[in-house]
PDB file of N, CA and C in Angstrom:
ATOM      1  N   MET A   1      34.379 -29.079 -28.379  1.00  0.00           N
ATOM      2  CA  MET A   1      34.093 -29.542 -27.111  1.00  0.00           C
ATOM      3  C   MET A   1      32.727 -29.319 -26.551  1.00  0.00           C
ATOM      4  N   SER A   2      32.425 -30.331 -25.769  1.00  0.00           N
ATOM      5  CA  SER A   2      30.849 -30.219 -25.594  1.00  0.00           C
ATOM      6  C   SER A   2      30.989 -29.699 -24.162  1.00  0.00           C
ATOM      7  N   GLU A   3      29.752 -28.938 -23.897  1.00  0.00           N
ATOM      8  CA  GLU A   3      29.385 -28.376 -22.488  1.00  0.00           C
ATOM      9  C   GLU A   3      29.183 -29.414 -21.413  1.00  0.00           C
ATOM     10  N   PRO A   4      29.873 -29.094 -20.218  1.00  0.00           N
ATOM     11  CA  PRO A   4      29.523 -30.151 -19.009  1.00  0.00           C
ATOM     12  C   PRO A   4      28.339 -29.952 -18.642  1.00  0.00           C
ATOM     13  N   GLU A   5      27.328 -31.138 -18.258  1.00  0.00           N
ATOM     14  CA  GLU A   5      26.282 -31.105 -17.863  1.00  0.00           C
ATOM     15  C   GLU A   5      26.269 -30.595 -16.503  1.00  0.00           C
ATOM     16  N   PRO A   6      24.880 -29.624 -16.056  1.00  0.00           N
ATOM     17  CA  PRO A   6      25.146 -29.063 -14.878  1.00  0.00           C
ATOM     18  C   PRO A   6      24.878 -29.900 -13.838  1.00  0.00           C
ATOM     19  N   SER A   7      25.379 -29.551 -12.579  1.00  0.00           N
ATOM     20  CA  SER A   7      25.194 -30.311 -11.521  1.00  0.00           C
ATOM     21  C   SER A   7      23.877 -30.288 -10.968  1.00  0.00           C
ATOM     22  N   PRO A   8      23.338 -31.083 -10.168  1.00  0.00           N
ATOM     23  CA  PRO A   8      21.786 -31.101  -9.523  1.00  0.00           C
ATOM     24  C   PRO A   8      21.812 -29.651  -8.802  1.00  0.00           C
ATOM     25  N   GLU A   9      22.764 -29.431  -8.091  1.00  0.00           N
ATOM     26  CA  GLU A   9      22.752 -28.078  -7.157  1.00  0.00           C
ATOM     27  C   GLU A   9      22.380 -26.956  -7.880  1.00  0.00           C
ATOM     28  N   SER A  10      23.089 -26.757  -9.134  1.00  0.00           N
ATOM     29  CA  SER A  10      23.041 -25.627 -10.025  1.00  0.00           C
ATOM     30  C   SER A  10      21.774 -25.386 -10.730  1.00  0.00           C
ATOM     31  N   ILE A  11      20.938 -26.403 -10.818  1.00  0.00           N
ATOM     32  CA  ILE A  11      19.469 -26.309 -11.413  1.00  0.00           C
ATOM     33  C   ILE A  11      18.761 -25.566 -10.348  1.00  0.00           C
ATOM     34  N   GLU A  12      18.037 -24.671 -11.070  1.00  0.00           N
ATOM     35  CA  GLU A  12      17.048 -23.833  -9.949  1.00  0.00           C
ATOM     36  C   GLU A  12      15.614 -24.824  -9.948  1.00  0.00           C
ATOM     37  N   PRO A  13      15.119 -24.582  -8.519  1.00  0.00           N
ATOM     38  CA  PRO A  13      13.965 -25.566  -8.517  1.00  0.00           C
ATOM     39  C   PRO A  13      12.717 -24.813  -9.358  1.00  0.00           C
ATOM     40  N   SER A  14      12.126 -25.646  -9.974  1.00  0.00           N
ATOM     41  CA  SER A  14      10.866 -25.037 -10.646  1.00  0.00           C
ATOM     42  C   SER A  14       9.649 -24.419  -9.895  1.00  0.00           C
ATOM     43  N   GLU A  15       8.993 -23.546 -10.380  1.00  0.00           N
ATOM     44  CA  GLU A  15       8.191 -22.608  -9.450  1.00  0.00           C
ATOM     45  C   GLU A  15       6.697 -24.052  -8.945  1.00  0.00           C
ATOM     46  N   GLU A  16       6.658 -24.925  -9.696  1.00  0.00           N
ATOM     47  CA  GLU A  16       5.916 -25.854  -9.002  1.00  0.00           C
ATOM     48  C   GLU A  16       6.187 -26.536  -7.810  1.00  0.00           C
ATOM     49  N   SER A  17       7.427 -26.713  -7.594  1.00  0.00           N
ATOM     50  CA  SER A  17       7.718 -27.186  -6.165  1.00  0.00           C
ATOM     51  C   SER A  17       7.936 -26.274  -5.220  1.00  0.00           C
ATOM     52  N   GLU A  18       7.962 -24.753  -5.359  1.00  0.00           N
ATOM     53  CA  GLU A  18       7.967 -24.026  -4.551  1.00  0.00           C
ATOM     54  C   GLU A  18       6.714 -23.914  -3.771  1.00  0.00           C
ATOM     55  N   GLU A  19       6.646 -23.637  -2.702  1.00  0.00           N
ATOM     56  CA  GLU A  19       5.404 -23.294  -1.905  1.00  0.00           C
ATOM     57  C   GLU A  19       4.866 -21.877  -2.187  1.00  0.00           C
ATOM     58  N   GLN A  20       3.785 -21.704  -2.300  1.00  0.00           N
ATOM     59  CA  GLN A  20       3.271 -20.534  -2.664  1.00  0.00           C
ATOM     60  C   GLN A  20       2.173 -20.194  -1.448  1.00  0.00           C
ATOM     61  N   PRO A  21       2.139 -19.020  -1.000  1.00  0.00           N
ATOM     62  CA  PRO A  21       0.996 -18.949   0.142  1.00  0.00           C
ATOM     63  C   PRO A  21      -0.175 -19.055  -0.491  1.00  0.00           C
ATOM     64  N   GLU A  22      -1.331 -19.132   0.377  1.00  0.00           N
ATOM     65  CA  GLU A  22      -2.705 -19.453  -0.276  1.00  0.00           C
ATOM     66  C   GLU A  22      -3.222 -18.203  -0.454  1.00  0.00           C
ATOM     67  N   ARG A  23      -3.797 -18.080  -1.691  1.00  0.00           N
ATOM     68  CA  ARG A  23      -4.531 -16.998  -1.933  1.00  0.00           C
ATOM     69  C   ARG A  23      -6.046 -16.951  -1.353  1.00  0.00           C
ATOM     70  N   ARG A  24      -6.242 -15.666  -0.515  1.00  0.00           N
ATOM     71  CA  ARG A  24      -7.454 -15.629  -0.161  1.00  0.00           C
ATOM     72  C   ARG A  24      -8.321 -14.886  -1.198  1.00  0.00           C
ATOM     73  N   TYR A  25      -9.776 -15.376  -1.202  1.00  0.00           N
ATOM     74  CA  TYR A  25     -10.922 -14.490  -2.198  1.00  0.00           C
ATOM     75  C   TYR A  25     -11.964 -14.129  -1.490  1.00  0.00           C
ATOM     76  N   PRO A  26     -12.344 -12.827  -1.476  1.00  0.00           N
ATOM     77  CA  PRO A  26     -11.598 -11.706  -2.200  1.00  0.00           C
ATOM     78  C   PRO A  26     -10.042 -11.554  -1.627  1.00  0.00           C
ATOM     79  N   SER A  27      -9.148 -10.917  -2.362  1.00  0.00           N
ATOM     80  CA  SER A  27      -7.986 -10.834  -1.859  1.00  0.00           C
ATOM     81  C   SER A  27      -7.946  -9.976  -0.610  1.00  0.00           C
ATOM     82  N   THR A  28      -8.605  -8.862  -0.640  1.00  0.00           N
ATOM     83  CA  THR A  28      -8.822  -7.876   0.852  1.00  0.00           C
ATOM     84  C   THR A  28     -10.365  -7.419   0.700  1.00  0.00           C
ATOM     85  N   ILE A  29     -10.547  -7.277   2.071  1.00  0.00           N
ATOM     86  CA  ILE A  29     -11.956  -6.810   2.225  1.00  0.00           C
ATOM     87  C   ILE A  29     -12.036  -5.297   2.061  1.00  0.00           C
ATOM     88  N   GLY A  30     -10.713  -4.636   1.958  1.00  0.00           N
ATOM     89  CA  GLY A  30     -10.585  -3.248   1.747  1.00  0.00           C
ATOM     90  C   GLY A  30     -10.769  -3.055   0.118  1.00  0.00           C
ATOM     91  N   GLY A  31     -10.497  -3.830  -0.781  1.00  0.00           N
ATOM     92  CA  GLY A  31     -10.800  -3.868  -1.954  1.00  0.00           C
ATOM     93  C   GLY A  31     -12.183  -3.762  -2.330  1.00  0.00           C
ATOM     94  N   ALA A  32     -13.165  -4.385  -1.532  1.00  0.00           N
ATOM     95  CA  ALA A  32     -14.687  -4.546  -1.614  1.00  0.00           C
ATOM     96  C   ALA A  32     -15.302  -3.304  -1.107  1.00  0.00           C
ATOM     97  N   PHE A  33     -14.544  -2.795  -0.218  1.00  0.00           N
ATOM     98  CA  PHE A  33     -14.985  -1.198   0.209  1.00  0.00           C
ATOM     99  C   PHE A  33     -14.584  -0.176  -0.519  1.00  0.00           C
ATOM    100  N   TYR A  34     -13.453  -0.465  -1.029  1.00  0.00           N
ATOM    101  CA  TYR A  34     -13.038   0.625  -1.966  1.00  0.00           C
ATOM    102  C   TYR A  34     -13.691   0.706  -3.301  1.00  0.00           C
ATOM    103  N   ILE A  35     -14.633  -0.308  -3.852  1.00  0.00           N
ATOM    104  CA  ILE A  35     -15.440  -0.343  -4.802  1.00  0.00           C
ATOM    105  C   ILE A  35     -16.737   0.333  -4.395  1.00  0.00           C
ATOM    106  N   GLY A  36     -17.128   0.100  -3.104  1.00  0.00           N
ATOM    107  CA  GLY A  36     -18.376   0.552  -2.371  1.00  0.00           C
ATOM    108  C   GLY A  36     -18.036   2.392  -2.422  1.00  0.00           C
ATOM    109  N   ILE A  37     -16.731   2.658  -2.033  1.00  0.00           N
ATOM    110  CA  ILE A  37     -16.537   4.053  -2.087  1.00  0.00           C
ATOM    111  C   ILE A  37     -16.626   4.628  -3.339  1.00  0.00           C
ATOM    112  N   LEU A  38     -15.969   4.196  -4.326  1.00  0.00           N
ATOM    113  CA  LEU A  38     -16.120   4.517  -5.700  1.00  0.00           C
ATOM    114  C   LEU A  38     -17.588   4.673  -6.167  1.00  0.00           C
ATOM    115  N   ILE A  39     -18.157   3.660  -5.908  1.00  0.00           N
ATOM    116  CA  ILE A  39     -19.805   3.748  -6.353  1.00  0.00           C
ATOM    117  C   ILE A  39     -20.682   4.946  -5.655  1.00  0.00           C
ATOM    118  N   ALA A  40     -20.222   5.200  -4.357  1.00  0.00           N
ATOM    119  CA  ALA A  40     -20.976   6.115  -3.675  1.00  0.00           C
ATOM    120  C   ALA A  40     -20.712   7.575  -4.184  1.00  0.00           C
ATOM    121  N   THR A  41     -19.275   7.822  -4.456  1.00  0.00           N
ATOM    122  CA  THR A  41     -18.568   8.836  -4.800  1.00  0.00           C
ATOM    123  C   THR A  41     -19.375   9.153  -6.401  1.00  0.00           C
ATOM    124  N   ALA A  42     -19.309   8.099  -7.371  1.00  0.00           N
ATOM    125  CA  ALA A  42     -20.031   8.242  -8.664  1.00  0.00           C
ATOM    126  C   ALA A  42     -21.467   8.789  -8.581  1.00  0.00           C
ATOM    127  N   PHE A  43     -22.296   8.158  -7.523  1.00  0.00           N
ATOM    128  CA  PHE A  43     -23.566   8.464  -7.060  1.00  0.00           C
ATOM    129  C   PHE A  43     -23.728   9.885  -6.957  1.00  0.00           C
ATOM    130  N   GLY A  44     -22.794  10.318  -6.075  1.00  0.00           N
ATOM    131  CA  GLY A  44     -22.819  11.904  -5.540  1.00  0.00           C
ATOM    132  C   GLY A  44     -22.624  12.393  -6.735  1.00  0.00           C
ATOM    133  N   ILE A  45     -21.827  12.206  -7.685  1.00  0.00           N
ATOM    134  CA  ILE A  45     -21.442  13.087  -9.060  1.00  0.00           C
ATOM    135  C   ILE A  45     -22.821  12.927  -9.758  1.00  0.00           C
ATOM    136  N   GLY A  46     -23.365  11.858  -9.846  1.00  0.00           N
ATOM    137  CA  GLY A  46     -24.460  11.692 -10.840  1.00  0.00           C
ATOM    138  C   GLY A  46     -25.751  12.571 -10.178  1.00  0.00           C
ATOM    139  N   ILE A  47     -25.837  12.656  -8.678  1.00  0.00           N
ATOM    140  CA  ILE A  47     -26.834  13.649  -8.398  1.00  0.00           C
ATOM    141  C   ILE A  47     -26.555  15.108  -8.540  1.00  0.00           C
ATOM    142  N   VAL A  48     -25.494  15.553  -8.467  1.00  0.00           N
ATOM    143  CA  VAL A  48     -24.803  16.930  -8.828  1.00  0.00           C
ATOM    144  C   VAL A  48     -25.060  17.121 -10.443  1.00  0.00           C
ATOM    145  N   TYR A  49     -25.011  16.220 -11.351  1.00  0.00           N
ATOM    146  CA  TYR A  49     -25.307  16.314 -12.854  1.00  0.00           C
ATOM    147  C   TYR A  49     -26.691  16.258 -13.071  1.00  0.00           C
ATOM    148  N   ARG A  50     -27.408  15.532 -12.358  1.00  0.00           N
ATOM    149  CA  ARG A  50     -28.580  15.402 -12.913  1.00  0.00           C
ATOM    150  C   ARG A  50     -29.769  16.242 -12.145  1.00  0.00           C
ATOM    151  N   SER A  51     -29.358  16.767 -11.003  1.00  0.00           N
ATOM    152  CA  SER A  51     -30.401  17.541 -10.337  1.00  0.00           C
ATOM    153  C   SER A  51     -29.816  18.996  -9.914  1.00  0.00           C
ATOM    154  N   HIS A  52     -30.802  19.987  -9.474  1.00  0.00           N
ATOM    155  CA  HIS A  52     -30.546  21.196  -9.327  1.00  0.00           C
ATOM    156  C   HIS A  52     -29.866  21.225  -7.864  1.00  0.00           C
ATOM    157  N   ASP A  53     -29.897  20.253  -6.850  1.00  0.00           N
ATOM    158  CA  ASP A  53     -29.535  20.192  -5.776  1.00  0.00           C
ATOM    159  C   ASP A  53     -28.040  19.732  -5.499  1.00  0.00           C
ATOM    160  N   TRP A  54     -27.140  20.574  -6.088  1.00  0.00           N
ATOM    161  CA  TRP A  54     -25.725  20.144  -6.089  1.00  0.00           C
ATOM    162  C   TRP A  54     -25.207  19.966  -4.641  1.00  0.00           C
ATOM    163  N   ARG A  55     -25.757  20.636  -3.551  1.00  0.00           N
ATOM    164  CA  ARG A  55     -25.300  20.469  -2.371  1.00  0.00           C
ATOM    165  C   ARG A  55     -25.588  19.022  -1.740  1.00  0.00           C
ATOM    166  N   LEU A  56     -26.548  18.405  -2.075  1.00  0.00           N
ATOM    167  CA  LEU A  56     -26.855  16.896  -1.590  1.00  0.00           C
ATOM    168  C   LEU A  56     -25.883  15.912  -2.446  1.00  0.00           C
ATOM    169  N   GLY A  57     -25.504  16.432  -3.805  1.00  0.00           N
ATOM    170  CA  GLY A  57     -24.477  15.525  -4.348  1.00  0.00           C
ATOM    171  C   GLY A  57     -23.086  15.659  -3.805  1.00  0.00           C
ATOM    172  N   VAL A  58     -22.698  16.812  -3.569  1.00  0.00           N
ATOM    173  CA  VAL A  58     -21.351  17.024  -2.899  1.00  0.00           C
ATOM    174  C   VAL A  58     -21.332  16.414  -1.481  1.00  0.00           C
ATOM    175  N   ARG A  59     -22.402  16.578  -0.813  1.00  0.00           N
ATOM    176  CA  ARG A  59     -22.458  15.876   0.568  1.00  0.00           C
ATOM    177  C   ARG A  59     -22.218  14.528   0.581  1.00  0.00           C
ATOM    178  N   VAL A  60     -22.844  13.966  -0.447  1.00  0.00           N
ATOM    179  CA  VAL A  60     -22.741  12.377  -0.724  1.00  0.00           C
ATOM    180  C   VAL A  60     -21.272  12.023  -0.992  1.00  0.00           C
ATOM    181  N   VAL A  61     -20.553  12.782  -1.726  1.00  0.00           N
ATOM    182  CA  VAL A  61     -19.274  12.379  -2.020  1.00  0.00           C
ATOM    183  C   VAL A  61     -18.224  12.723  -0.654  1.00  0.00           C
ATOM    184  N   ALA A  62     -18.757  13.974  -0.145  1.00  0.00           N
ATOM    185  CA  ALA A  62     -17.927  14.232   1.288  1.00  0.00           C
ATOM    186  C   ALA A  62     -18.285  12.927   2.198  1.00  0.00           C
ATOM    187  N   GLY A  63     -19.572  12.433   2.365  1.00  0.00           N
ATOM    188  CA  GLY A  63     -19.707  11.570   3.050  1.00  0.00           C
ATOM    189  C   GLY A  63     -18.767  10.230   2.664  1.00  0.00           C
ATOM    190  N   ALA A  64     -18.777   9.864   1.427  1.00  0.00           N
ATOM    191  CA  ALA A  64     -17.939   8.602   0.580  1.00  0.00           C
ATOM    192  C   ALA A  64     -16.381   9.014   1.276  1.00  0.00           C
ATOM    193  N   LEU A  65     -15.832  10.095   1.263  1.00  0.00           N
ATOM    194  CA  LEU A  65     -14.272  10.220   1.650  1.00  0.00           C
ATOM    195  C   LEU A  65     -14.263  10.052   3.152  1.00  0.00           C
ATOM    196  N   LEU A  66     -15.305  10.583   3.833  1.00  0.00           N
ATOM    197  CA  LEU A  66     -15.208  10.384   5.369  1.00  0.00           C
ATOM    198  C   LEU A  66     -15.416   8.801   5.787  1.00  0.00           C
ATOM    199  N   ALA A  67     -16.148   8.156   5.154  1.00  0.00           N
ATOM    200  CA  ALA A  67     -16.262   6.573   5.153  1.00  0.00           C
ATOM    201  C   ALA A  67     -15.295   5.919   5.021  1.00  0.00           C
ATOM    202  N   ALA A  68     -14.311   6.276   3.870  1.00  0.00           N
ATOM    203  CA  ALA A  68     -13.119   5.936   3.310  1.00  0.00           C
ATOM    204  C   ALA A  68     -12.062   6.024   4.518  1.00  0.00           C
ATOM    205  N   ALA A  69     -12.062   7.069   5.304  1.00  0.00           N
ATOM    206  CA  ALA A  69     -11.071   7.689   6.289  1.00  0.00           C
ATOM    207  C   ALA A  69     -11.460   6.608   7.548  1.00  0.00           C
ATOM    208  N   LEU A  70     -12.720   6.465   7.778  1.00  0.00           N
ATOM    209  CA  LEU A  70     -13.181   5.618   9.024  1.00  0.00           C
ATOM    210  C   LEU A  70     -12.486   3.994   8.566  1.00  0.00           C
ATOM    211  N   LEU A  71     -12.782   3.655   7.251  1.00  0.00           N
ATOM    212  CA  LEU A  71     -12.074   2.180   6.975  1.00  0.00           C
ATOM    213  C   LEU A  71     -10.884   2.051   6.936  1.00  0.00           C
ATOM    214  N   ARG A  72     -10.321   3.151   6.424  1.00  0.00           N
ATOM    215  CA  ARG A  72      -8.699   3.111   6.605  1.00  0.00           C
ATOM    216  C   ARG A  72      -8.140   3.132   8.096  1.00  0.00           C
ATOM    217  N   LEU A  73      -8.809   3.983   8.815  1.00  0.00           N
ATOM    218  CA  LEU A  73      -8.276   3.895  10.133  1.00  0.00           C
ATOM    219  C   LEU A  73      -8.616   2.641  10.870  1.00  0.00           C
ATOM    220  N   VAL A  74      -9.738   1.813  10.808  1.00  0.00           N
ATOM    221  CA  VAL A  74     -10.105   0.741  11.603  1.00  0.00           C
ATOM    222  C   VAL A  74      -9.527  -0.644  10.985  1.00  0.00           C
ATOM    223  N   LEU A  75      -9.080  -0.467   9.535  1.00  0.00           N
ATOM    224  CA  LEU A  75      -8.573  -1.863   8.841  1.00  0.00           C
ATOM    225  C   LEU A  75      -7.147  -2.159   9.140  1.00  0.00           C
ATOM    226  N   PRO A  76      -6.699  -3.091   9.218  1.00  0.00           N
ATOM    227  CA  PRO A  76      -5.399  -3.365   9.545  1.00  0.00           C
ATOM    228  C   PRO A  76      -4.755  -3.328   8.109  1.00  0.00           C
ATOM    229  N   GLN A  77      -3.422  -3.141   8.124  1.00  0.00           N
ATOM    230  CA  GLN A  77      -2.734  -2.968   7.063  1.00  0.00           C
ATOM    231  C   GLN A  77      -2.836  -3.878   5.635  1.00  0.00           C
ATOM    232  N   ARG A  78      -3.088  -5.102   6.166  1.00  0.00           N
ATOM    233  CA  ARG A  78      -2.983  -6.317   5.042  1.00  0.00           C
ATOM    234  C   ARG A  78      -4.171  -6.730   4.612  1.00  0.00           C
ATOM    235  N   ASP A  79      -5.466  -5.647   5.446  1.00  0.00           N
ATOM    236  CA  ASP A  79      -6.728  -5.904   4.787  1.00  0.00           C
ATOM    237  C   ASP A  79      -7.497  -4.476   4.058  1.00  0.00           C
ATOM    238  N   ALA A  80      -6.200  -3.576   3.993  1.00  0.00           N
ATOM    239  CA  ALA A  80      -7.049  -2.182   3.859  1.00  0.00           C
ATOM    240  C   ALA A  80      -7.095  -2.184   2.322  1.00  0.00           C
ATOM    241  N   GLY A  81      -6.343  -2.849   1.508  1.00  0.00           N
ATOM    242  CA  GLY A  81      -6.536  -3.073   0.029  1.00  0.00           C
ATOM    243  C   GLY A  81      -5.848  -1.629  -0.778  1.00  0.00           C
ATOM    244  N   MET A  82      -6.978  -1.227  -1.511  1.00  0.00           N
ATOM    245  CA  MET A  82      -6.506   0.158  -2.152  1.00  0.00           C
ATOM    246  C   MET A  82      -6.849   1.168  -1.525  1.00  0.00           C
ATOM    247  N   LEU A  83      -7.157   1.016  -0.285  1.00  0.00           N
ATOM    248  CA  LEU A  83      -7.591   2.267   0.655  1.00  0.00           C
ATOM    249  C   LEU A  83      -6.104   2.556   1.127  1.00  0.00           C
ATOM    250  N   ALA A  84      -5.282   1.631   1.360  1.00  0.00           N
ATOM    251  CA  ALA A  84      -3.873   1.942   1.929  1.00  0.00           C
ATOM    252  C   ALA A  84      -3.089   2.711   0.634  1.00  0.00           C
ATOM    253  N   VAL A  85      -2.537   3.796   0.555  1.00  0.00           N
ATOM    254  CA  VAL A  85      -1.830   4.254  -0.607  1.00  0.00           C
ATOM    255  C   VAL A  85      -0.661   4.755   0.311  1.00  0.00           C
ATOM    256  N   ARG A  86      -0.538   5.331   1.303  1.00  0.00           N
ATOM    257  CA  ARG A  86       0.642   5.927   2.289  1.00  0.00           C
ATOM    258  C   ARG A  86       0.458   5.256   3.477  1.00  0.00           C
ATOM    259  N   SER A  87       1.053   6.217   4.370  1.00  0.00           N
ATOM    260  CA  SER A  87       0.870   5.554   5.818  1.00  0.00           C
ATOM    261  C   SER A  87      -0.405   5.931   6.045  1.00  0.00           C
ATOM    262  N   ARG A  88      -0.745   5.422   7.141  1.00  0.00           N
ATOM    263  CA  ARG A  88      -2.156   5.585   7.853  1.00  0.00           C
ATOM    264  C   ARG A  88      -2.727   6.688   8.308  1.00  0.00           C
ATOM    265  N   VAL A  89      -1.790   7.396   8.801  1.00  0.00           N
ATOM    266  CA  VAL A  89      -1.816   8.649   9.370  1.00  0.00           C
ATOM    267  C   VAL A  89      -1.841   9.523   8.096  1.00  0.00           C
ATOM    268  N   VAL A  90      -1.250   9.547   6.981  1.00  0.00           N
ATOM    269  CA  VAL A  90      -1.348  10.288   5.919  1.00  0.00           C
ATOM    270  C   VAL A  90      -2.660  10.024   5.239  1.00  0.00           C
ATOM    271  N   ASP A  91      -3.241   8.910   5.112  1.00  0.00           N
ATOM    272  CA  ASP A  91      -4.208   8.493   4.333  1.00  0.00           C
ATOM    273  C   ASP A  91      -5.405   9.023   5.116  1.00  0.00           C
ATOM    274  N   VAL A  92      -5.529   8.870   6.371  1.00  0.00           N
ATOM    275  CA  VAL A  92      -6.780   9.453   7.416  1.00  0.00           C
ATOM    276  C   VAL A  92      -6.929  10.713   6.999  1.00  0.00           C
ATOM    277  N   GLY A  93      -5.776  11.303   7.283  1.00  0.00           N
ATOM    278  CA  GLY A  93      -5.669  13.002   7.362  1.00  0.00           C
ATOM    279  C   GLY A  93      -6.244  13.504   6.233  1.00  0.00           C
ATOM    280  N   LEU A  94      -5.625  12.997   5.136  1.00  0.00           N
ATOM    281  CA  LEU A  94      -6.030  13.767   3.748  1.00  0.00           C
ATOM    282  C   LEU A  94      -7.616  13.154   3.589  1.00  0.00           C
ATOM    283  N   LEU A  95      -7.986  12.192   3.540  1.00  0.00           N
ATOM    284  CA  LEU A  95      -9.472  11.983   3.523  1.00  0.00           C
ATOM    285  C   LEU A  95     -10.163  12.579   4.573  1.00  0.00           C
ATOM    286  N   VAL A  96      -9.709  12.839   5.724  1.00  0.00           N
ATOM    287  CA  VAL A  96     -10.758  13.789   6.445  1.00  0.00           C
ATOM    288  C   VAL A  96     -10.715  15.114   6.151  1.00  0.00           C
ATOM    289  N   VAL A  97      -9.524  15.458   5.851  1.00  0.00           N
ATOM    290  CA  VAL A  97      -9.551  17.107   5.402  1.00  0.00           C
ATOM    291  C   VAL A  97     -10.450  17.402   4.121  1.00  0.00           C
ATOM    292  N   VAL A  98     -10.412  16.776   3.228  1.00  0.00           N
ATOM    293  CA  VAL A  98     -11.070  16.759   1.915  1.00  0.00           C
ATOM    294  C   VAL A  98     -12.573  16.685   2.277  1.00  0.00           C
ATOM    295  N   GLY A  99     -12.923  15.566   2.812  1.00  0.00           N
ATOM    296  CA  GLY A  99     -14.317  15.201   3.220  1.00  0.00           C
ATOM    297  C   GLY A  99     -14.783  16.476   3.748  1.00  0.00           C
ATOM    298  N   GLY A 100     -13.989  16.613   4.836  1.00  0.00           N
ATOM    299  CA  GLY A 100     -14.609  17.765   5.806  1.00  0.00           C
ATOM    300  C   GLY A 100     -14.836  19.331   5.093  1.00  0.00           C
ATOM    301  N   ALA A 101     -13.606  19.252   4.058  1.00  0.00           N
ATOM    302  CA  ALA A 101     -13.842  20.573   3.477  1.00  0.00           C
ATOM    303  C   ALA A 101     -15.059  20.651   2.667  1.00  0.00           C
ATOM    304  N   LEU A 102     -15.271  19.662   1.662  1.00  0.00           N
ATOM    305  CA  LEU A 102     -16.485  19.459   0.896  1.00  0.00           C
ATOM    306  C   LEU A 102     -17.977  19.620   1.621  1.00  0.00           C
ATOM    307  N   PHE A 103     -17.711  19.150   2.699  1.00  0.00           N
ATOM    308  CA  PHE A 103     -19.058  19.059   3.615  1.00  0.00           C
ATOM    309  C   PHE A 103     -19.108  20.679   4.087  1.00  0.00           C
ATOM    310  N   PHE A 104     -18.380  21.264   4.744  1.00  0.00           N
ATOM    311  CA  PHE A 104     -18.272  22.620   4.972  1.00  0.00           C
ATOM    312  C   PHE A 104     -18.712  23.503   3.897  1.00  0.00           C
ATOM    313  N   LEU A 105     -18.014  23.367   2.803  1.00  0.00           N
ATOM    314  CA  LEU A 105     -18.207  24.303   1.676  1.00  0.00           C
ATOM    315  C   LEU A 105     -19.655  24.003   1.209  1.00  0.00           C
ATOM    316  N   SER A 106     -20.079  22.815   1.168  1.00  0.00           N
ATOM    317  CA  SER A 106     -21.344  22.525   0.428  1.00  0.00           C
ATOM    318  C   SER A 106     -22.540  23.377   1.373  1.00  0.00           C
ATOM    319  N   GLY A 107     -22.313  23.327   2.677  1.00  0.00           N
ATOM    320  CA  GLY A 107     -23.291  24.213   3.542  1.00  0.00           C
ATOM    321  C   GLY A 107     -22.879  25.787   3.986  1.00  0.00           C
ATOM    322  N   SER A 108     -21.943  26.225   3.516  1.00  0.00           N
ATOM    323  CA  SER A 108     -21.432  27.462   3.412  1.00  0.00           C
ATOM    324  C   SER A 108     -21.458  28.612   2.381  1.00  0.00           C
ATOM    325  N   ILE A 109     -21.480  27.963   1.133  1.00  0.00           N
ATOM    326  CA  ILE A 109     -21.809  28.682  -0.106  1.00  0.00           C
ATOM    327  C   ILE A 109     -23.159  29.175  -0.342  1.00  0.00           C
ATOM    328  N   PRO A 110     -23.376  30.326  -0.440  1.00  0.00           N
ATOM    329  CA  PRO A 110     -24.733  30.712  -0.270  1.00  0.00           C
ATOM    330  C   PRO A 110     -25.367  30.545  -1.922  1.00  0.00           C
ATOM    331  N   ASP A 111     -26.678  30.505  -1.712  1.00  0.00           N
ATOM    332  CA  ASP A 111     -27.410  30.319  -2.953  1.00  0.00           C
ATOM    333  C   ASP A 111     -27.026  31.527  -3.828  1.00  0.00           C
ATOM    334  N   GLN A 112     -27.055  31.223  -5.222  1.00  0.00           N
ATOM    335  CA  GLN A 112     -26.677  32.195  -6.187  1.00  0.00           C
ATOM    336  C   GLN A 112     -27.944  32.394  -6.848  1.00  0.00           C
ATOM    337  N   PRO A 113     -28.638  33.582  -7.526  1.00  0.00           N
ATOM    338  CA  PRO A 113     -29.630  33.777  -8.180  1.00  0.00           C
ATOM    339  C   PRO A 113     -29.109  33.230  -9.673  1.00  0.00           C
ATOM    340  N   THR A 114     -30.344  32.458 -10.215  1.00  0.00           N
ATOM    341  CA  THR A 114     -30.172  31.939 -11.486  1.00  0.00           C
ATOM    342  C   THR A 114     -30.844  33.161 -12.573  1.00  0.00           C
TER     343      THR A 114
END
């Protein structure tokens, strides 16, 4: 016996006929800021690695984290990109705590004799 031919209603529409939302380039401004935060953090780690002034490098990393917190606070959810990992309150809170702790520790740890 031969298979009955499918009716037009049972055929799924092709992907070409479905309307897809227009993609924005760059997809989010938060993605561009995220790359900037990563570059600043890498720069701070490079300062720690290459120089004897580790405090400056740690402060650069702390500043990058605090900038990320500020950006996460002001950017809307759809534009936050990879800065949005959890809820806004949790993201901002964690970034402020870690950035503030690094900044505080970089200034409060006494110099060690070499």
